[in-house]
Amino acid sequence: MFNKITFNDWPLLLGWRNHPTVRNSSINTDLIDEETHKKYITNLIERADRTQYILKCNGNPVGYIREDITKDGNELSYLINPDEHGKGYGTLMMREFLKSKHGKFFLHIKKDNIASIKMAQKNGFKKIKIIDNVYKLELYKMTDLEIINKVEQVRKGNNVNWMDLVR
C-alpha cells in the first residue's frame, strides 16, 4: 500500500537516505543533514510537479518512490529500507506504482548498482545511454487505446499477408 509522504516522515526517510549502503548506491553520496532534509520534505509536499510515496507491506514501511514530472517524461527515483534489501520489494514497488500509469518514464542508476538495474529491467525499463557511470533507463507504457490501435494495425497487416498467401 502506498501512502503519500507527509512532513512527519522526515526522520524515517533521512535515516534510510543516510544509511551507508543506500548512500553508496545513490548518485549523490553526500551525507544529508537534518535541516537540509526537513527543507527538502517541506518543498516536496508543496510542489505540484513532484510526488513521493512510502510503500508499506503488512504495515511496515519498506521503501519510497518519487515521481518528477518533466518535459521529457516522468523521472522516477526510489530506495528500499536498508533492512529490507534483497527481498524483492523494489520490483514489487515499481510494478505496483506503474500499474495504472501510462506515458514515458525514466530512471538514472549508477552503473555498479546491479540490483537496481535488474529490478528496472524486470519492470520493462531499457538502458538507453550511459553518462559518467550512470545509466539512463526508459520505459514507455501505452494507454489501453494505444494498445488497441497497435493490435488493430498488426491485424490489418496479417489480413493482407493472408490474402497474399491465398492468391
C-alpha atoms as a PDB file:
ATOM      1  CA  MET A   1       0.000   0.000   0.000  1.00  0.00           C
ATOM      2  CA  PHE A   2       1.290   3.459  -0.952  1.00  0.00           C
ATOM      3  CA  ASN A   3       0.966   6.427   1.393  1.00  0.00           C
ATOM      4  CA  LYS A   4       1.764   9.947   0.289  1.00  0.00           C
ATOM      5  CA  ILE A   5       4.702  11.321   2.246  1.00  0.00           C
ATOM      6  CA  THR A   6       3.993  13.845   4.989  1.00  0.00           C
ATOM      7  CA  PHE A   7       6.361  16.068   6.921  1.00  0.00           C
ATOM      8  CA  ASN A   8       6.249  13.612   9.838  1.00  0.00           C
ATOM      9  CA  ASP A   9       8.019  11.021   7.658  1.00  0.00           C
ATOM     10  CA  TRP A  10      11.257  13.005   7.578  1.00  0.00           C
ATOM     11  CA  PRO A  11      13.128  11.042  10.337  1.00  0.00           C
ATOM     12  CA  LEU A  12      12.432   7.687   8.672  1.00  0.00           C
ATOM     13  CA  LEU A  13      13.392   8.906   5.212  1.00  0.00           C
ATOM     14  CA  LEU A  14      16.540  10.654   6.436  1.00  0.00           C
ATOM     15  CA  GLY A  15      17.648   7.503   8.251  1.00  0.00           C
ATOM     16  CA  TRP A  16      17.193   5.424   5.102  1.00  0.00           C
ATOM     17  CA  ARG A  17      18.850   8.026   2.874  1.00  0.00           C
ATOM     18  CA  ASN A  18      21.929   8.383   5.089  1.00  0.00           C
ATOM     19  CA  HIS A  19      22.471   4.647   5.552  1.00  0.00           C
ATOM     20  CA  PRO A  20      25.939   3.756   4.157  1.00  0.00           C
ATOM     21  CA  THR A  21      24.669   1.125   1.682  1.00  0.00           C
ATOM     22  CA  VAL A  22      21.996   3.475   0.350  1.00  0.00           C
ATOM     23  CA  ARG A  23      24.458   6.368   0.011  1.00  0.00           C
ATOM     24  CA  ASN A  24      26.912   4.111  -1.787  1.00  0.00           C
ATOM     25  CA  SER A  25      24.235   3.173  -4.348  1.00  0.00           C
ATOM     26  CA  SER A  26      22.932   6.724  -4.746  1.00  0.00           C
ATOM     27  CA  ILE A  27      24.098   9.141  -7.408  1.00  0.00           C
ATOM     28  CA  ASN A  28      24.524  11.762  -4.682  1.00  0.00           C
ATOM     29  CA  THR A  29      26.562  10.034  -1.972  1.00  0.00           C
ATOM     30  CA  ASP A  30      26.724  13.039   0.370  1.00  0.00           C
ATOM     31  CA  LEU A  31      25.541  12.728   3.952  1.00  0.00           C
ATOM     32  CA  ILE A  32      22.375  14.832   4.314  1.00  0.00           C
ATOM     33  CA  ASP A  33      21.940  16.920   7.472  1.00  0.00           C
ATOM     34  CA  GLU A  34      18.633  17.193   9.336  1.00  0.00           C
ATOM     35  CA  GLU A  35      17.802  20.810   8.407  1.00  0.00           C
ATOM     36  CA  THR A  36      18.523  20.259   4.703  1.00  0.00           C
ATOM     37  CA  HIS A  37      16.323  17.188   4.739  1.00  0.00           C
ATOM     38  CA  LYS A  38      13.463  18.956   6.510  1.00  0.00           C
ATOM     39  CA  LYS A  39      13.589  21.725   3.862  1.00  0.00           C
ATOM     40  CA  TYR A  40      13.563  19.053   1.150  1.00  0.00           C
ATOM     41  CA  ILE A  41      10.453  17.374   2.643  1.00  0.00           C
ATOM     42  CA  THR A  42       8.669  20.734   3.005  1.00  0.00           C
ATOM     43  CA  ASN A  43       9.481  21.602  -0.610  1.00  0.00           C
ATOM     44  CA  LEU A  44       8.409  18.139  -1.768  1.00  0.00           C
ATOM     45  CA  ILE A  45       4.989  18.474  -0.174  1.00  0.00           C
ATOM     46  CA  GLU A  46       4.416  21.908  -1.747  1.00  0.00           C
ATOM     47  CA  ARG A  47       5.477  21.051  -5.317  1.00  0.00           C
ATOM     48  CA  ALA A  48       2.852  20.192  -7.929  1.00  0.00           C
ATOM     49  CA  ASP A  49       5.370  18.522 -10.265  1.00  0.00           C
ATOM     50  CA  ARG A  50       6.735  16.061  -7.698  1.00  0.00           C
ATOM     51  CA  THR A  51       5.059  13.350  -5.639  1.00  0.00           C
ATOM     52  CA  GLN A  52       6.587  10.840  -3.277  1.00  0.00           C
ATOM     53  CA  TYR A  53       5.077   7.797  -1.634  1.00  0.00           C
ATOM     54  CA  ILE A  54       6.081   5.314   1.041  1.00  0.00           C
ATOM     55  CA  LEU A  55       5.343   1.666   0.322  1.00  0.00           C
ATOM     56  CA  LYS A  56       4.111  -0.301   3.301  1.00  0.00           C
ATOM     57  CA  CYS A  57       3.817  -4.078   3.379  1.00  0.00           C
ATOM     58  CA  ASN A  58       1.938  -5.587   6.286  1.00  0.00           C
ATOM     59  CA  GLY A  59       2.009  -2.149   7.896  1.00  0.00           C
ATOM     60  CA  ASN A  60       5.806  -1.884   7.751  1.00  0.00           C
ATOM     61  CA  PRO A  61       7.466   0.844   5.640  1.00  0.00           C
ATOM     62  CA  VAL A  62       9.758  -0.886   3.137  1.00  0.00           C
ATOM     63  CA  GLY A  63      10.669   1.853   0.660  1.00  0.00           C
ATOM     64  CA  TYR A  64       9.704   5.000  -1.156  1.00  0.00           C
ATOM     65  CA  ILE A  65       9.276   6.128  -4.724  1.00  0.00           C
ATOM     66  CA  ARG A  66       9.318   9.663  -6.100  1.00  0.00           C
ATOM     67  CA  GLU A  67       7.890  10.861  -9.412  1.00  0.00           C
ATOM     68  CA  ASP A  68       9.037  14.113 -11.010  1.00  0.00           C
ATOM     69  CA  ILE A  69       7.035  15.353 -13.976  1.00  0.00           C
ATOM     70  CA  THR A  70       9.439  16.810 -16.550  1.00  0.00           C
ATOM     71  CA  LYS A  71       9.189  17.919 -20.172  1.00  0.00           C
ATOM     72  CA  ASP A  72      10.993  14.694 -21.176  1.00  0.00           C
ATOM     73  CA  GLY A  73       8.696  12.330 -19.257  1.00  0.00           C
ATOM     74  CA  ASN A  74       8.347  11.255 -15.649  1.00  0.00           C
ATOM     75  CA  GLU A  75      11.570  10.671 -13.783  1.00  0.00           C
ATOM     76  CA  LEU A  76      11.335   8.083 -11.031  1.00  0.00           C
ATOM     77  CA  SER A  77      13.628   7.783  -8.033  1.00  0.00           C
ATOM     78  CA  TYR A  78      13.335   5.244  -5.243  1.00  0.00           C
ATOM     79  CA  LEU A  79      15.025   3.470  -2.403  1.00  0.00           C
ATOM     80  CA  ILE A  80      14.348   0.456  -0.260  1.00  0.00           C
ATOM     81  CA  ASN A  81      14.703   0.375   3.513  1.00  0.00           C
ATOM     82  CA  PRO A  82      18.253  -0.987   4.022  1.00  0.00           C
ATOM     83  CA  ASP A  83      16.869  -3.627   6.423  1.00  0.00           C
ATOM     84  CA  GLU A  84      14.662  -4.952   3.599  1.00  0.00           C
ATOM     85  CA  HIS A  85      17.221  -5.199   0.778  1.00  0.00           C
ATOM     86  CA  GLY A  86      17.196  -8.372  -1.292  1.00  0.00           C
ATOM     87  CA  LYS A  87      13.565  -9.291  -0.561  1.00  0.00           C
ATOM     88  CA  GLY A  88      12.037  -8.203  -3.882  1.00  0.00           C
ATOM     89  CA  TYR A  89      10.405  -5.032  -2.568  1.00  0.00           C
ATOM     90  CA  GLY A  90      11.994  -2.852  -5.257  1.00  0.00           C
ATOM     91  CA  THR A  91      10.470  -4.924  -8.059  1.00  0.00           C
ATOM     92  CA  LEU A  92       7.115  -5.024  -6.271  1.00  0.00           C
ATOM     93  CA  MET A  93       7.116  -1.286  -5.583  1.00  0.00           C
ATOM     94  CA  MET A  94       7.966  -0.327  -9.162  1.00  0.00           C
ATOM     95  CA  ARG A  95       5.417  -2.754 -10.651  1.00  0.00           C
ATOM     96  CA  GLU A  96       2.615  -1.564  -8.372  1.00  0.00           C
ATOM     97  CA  PHE A  97       3.472   2.100  -8.850  1.00  0.00           C
ATOM     98  CA  LEU A  98       3.415   1.812 -12.648  1.00  0.00           C
ATOM     99  CA  LYS A  99       0.370  -0.472 -12.808  1.00  0.00           C
ATOM    100  CA  SER A 100      -2.213   2.217 -13.604  1.00  0.00           C
ATOM    101  CA  LYS A 101       0.121   4.735 -15.251  1.00  0.00           C
ATOM    102  CA  HIS A 102       0.976   5.437 -18.863  1.00  0.00           C
ATOM    103  CA  GLY A 103       3.490   7.584 -20.681  1.00  0.00           C
ATOM    104  CA  LYS A 104       7.273   7.859 -20.728  1.00  0.00           C
ATOM    105  CA  PHE A 105       9.212   7.075 -17.556  1.00  0.00           C
ATOM    106  CA  PHE A 106      12.928   7.125 -16.921  1.00  0.00           C
ATOM    107  CA  LEU A 107      15.438   6.264 -14.210  1.00  0.00           C
ATOM    108  CA  HIS A 108      19.063   7.171 -13.546  1.00  0.00           C
ATOM    109  CA  ILE A 109      21.021   4.338 -11.921  1.00  0.00           C
ATOM    110  CA  LYS A 110      24.723   4.063 -11.172  1.00  0.00           C
ATOM    111  CA  LYS A 111      26.440   1.543 -13.439  1.00  0.00           C
ATOM    112  CA  ASP A 112      27.612  -0.588 -10.495  1.00  0.00           C
ATOM    113  CA  ASN A 113      24.151  -0.740  -8.842  1.00  0.00           C
ATOM    114  CA  ILE A 114      23.398  -4.148 -10.385  1.00  0.00           C
ATOM    115  CA  ALA A 115      20.386  -4.911  -8.146  1.00  0.00           C
ATOM    116  CA  SER A 116      18.598  -1.706  -9.194  1.00  0.00           C
ATOM    117  CA  ILE A 117      19.409  -2.239 -12.859  1.00  0.00           C
ATOM    118  CA  LYS A 118      17.979  -5.778 -12.711  1.00  0.00           C
ATOM    119  CA  MET A 119      14.873  -4.510 -10.893  1.00  0.00           C
ATOM    120  CA  ALA A 120      14.305  -1.843 -13.547  1.00  0.00           C
ATOM    121  CA  GLN A 121      14.739  -4.347 -16.369  1.00  0.00           C
ATOM    122  CA  LYS A 122      12.269  -6.766 -14.723  1.00  0.00           C
ATOM    123  CA  ASN A 123       9.780  -3.905 -14.908  1.00  0.00           C
ATOM    124  CA  GLY A 124      10.398  -3.273 -18.616  1.00  0.00           C
ATOM    125  CA  PHE A 125      12.953  -0.461 -18.499  1.00  0.00           C
ATOM    126  CA  LYS A 126      15.650  -0.482 -21.202  1.00  0.00           C
ATOM    127  CA  LYS A 127      19.130   1.043 -20.972  1.00  0.00           C
ATOM    128  CA  ILE A 128      19.389   3.878 -23.471  1.00  0.00           C
ATOM    129  CA  LYS A 129      22.673   5.614 -22.611  1.00  0.00           C
ATOM    130  CA  ILE A 130      25.410   5.984 -20.031  1.00  0.00           C
ATOM    131  CA  ILE A 131      26.962   9.250 -18.873  1.00  0.00           C
ATOM    132  CA  ASP A 132      29.617   9.441 -16.148  1.00  0.00           C
ATOM    133  CA  ASN A 133      28.957   5.844 -14.989  1.00  0.00           C
ATOM    134  CA  VAL A 134      25.195   6.486 -14.674  1.00  0.00           C
ATOM    135  CA  TYR A 135      22.716   4.625 -16.870  1.00  0.00           C
ATOM    136  CA  LYS A 136      19.591   6.285 -18.135  1.00  0.00           C
ATOM    137  CA  LEU A 137      16.842   3.689 -18.497  1.00  0.00           C
ATOM    138  CA  GLU A 138      13.475   4.308 -20.147  1.00  0.00           C
ATOM    139  CA  LEU A 139      10.053   2.741 -20.281  1.00  0.00           C
ATOM    140  CA  TYR A 140       7.066   3.728 -22.376  1.00  0.00           C
ATOM    141  CA  LYS A 141       3.730   2.446 -21.076  1.00  0.00           C
ATOM    142  CA  MET A 142       0.934   2.632 -23.622  1.00  0.00           C
ATOM    143  CA  THR A 143      -2.627   3.582 -22.804  1.00  0.00           C
ATOM    144  CA  ASP A 144      -5.363   0.996 -23.417  1.00  0.00           C
ATOM    145  CA  LEU A 145      -6.359   2.864 -26.592  1.00  0.00           C
ATOM    146  CA  GLU A 146      -2.758   2.843 -27.856  1.00  0.00           C
ATOM    147  CA  ILE A 147      -2.607  -0.917 -27.281  1.00  0.00           C
ATOM    148  CA  ILE A 148      -5.893  -1.469 -29.150  1.00  0.00           C
ATOM    149  CA  ASN A 149      -4.682   0.681 -32.058  1.00  0.00           C
ATOM    150  CA  LYS A 150      -1.385  -1.231 -32.203  1.00  0.00           C
ATOM    151  CA  VAL A 151      -3.207  -4.605 -32.244  1.00  0.00           C
ATOM    152  CA  GLU A 152      -5.515  -3.302 -34.961  1.00  0.00           C
ATOM    153  CA  GLN A 153      -2.524  -2.264 -37.113  1.00  0.00           C
ATOM    154  CA  VAL A 154      -0.913  -5.687 -36.723  1.00  0.00           C
ATOM    155  CA  ARG A 155      -4.183  -7.454 -37.568  1.00  0.00           C
ATOM    156  CA  LYS A 156      -4.610  -5.347 -40.733  1.00  0.00           C
ATOM    157  CA  GLY A 157      -1.129  -6.369 -41.823  1.00  0.00           C
ATOM    158  CA  ASN A 158      -1.876 -10.018 -41.056  1.00  0.00           C
ATOM    159  CA  ASN A 159      -5.084  -9.875 -43.149  1.00  0.00           C
ATOM    160  CA  VAL A 160      -3.123  -8.553 -46.136  1.00  0.00           C
ATOM    161  CA  ASN A 161      -0.499 -11.286 -45.662  1.00  0.00           C
ATOM    162  CA  TRP A 162      -3.198 -13.995 -45.522  1.00  0.00           C
ATOM    163  CA  MET A 163      -4.839 -12.692 -48.709  1.00  0.00           C
ATOM    164  CA  ASP A 164      -1.463 -12.680 -50.452  1.00  0.00           C
ATOM    165  CA  LEU A 165      -0.994 -16.336 -49.436  1.00  0.00           C
ATOM    166  CA  VAL A 166      -4.459 -17.263 -50.730  1.00  0.00           C
ATOM    167  CA  ARG A 167      -3.720 -15.614 -54.093  1.00  0.00           C
END
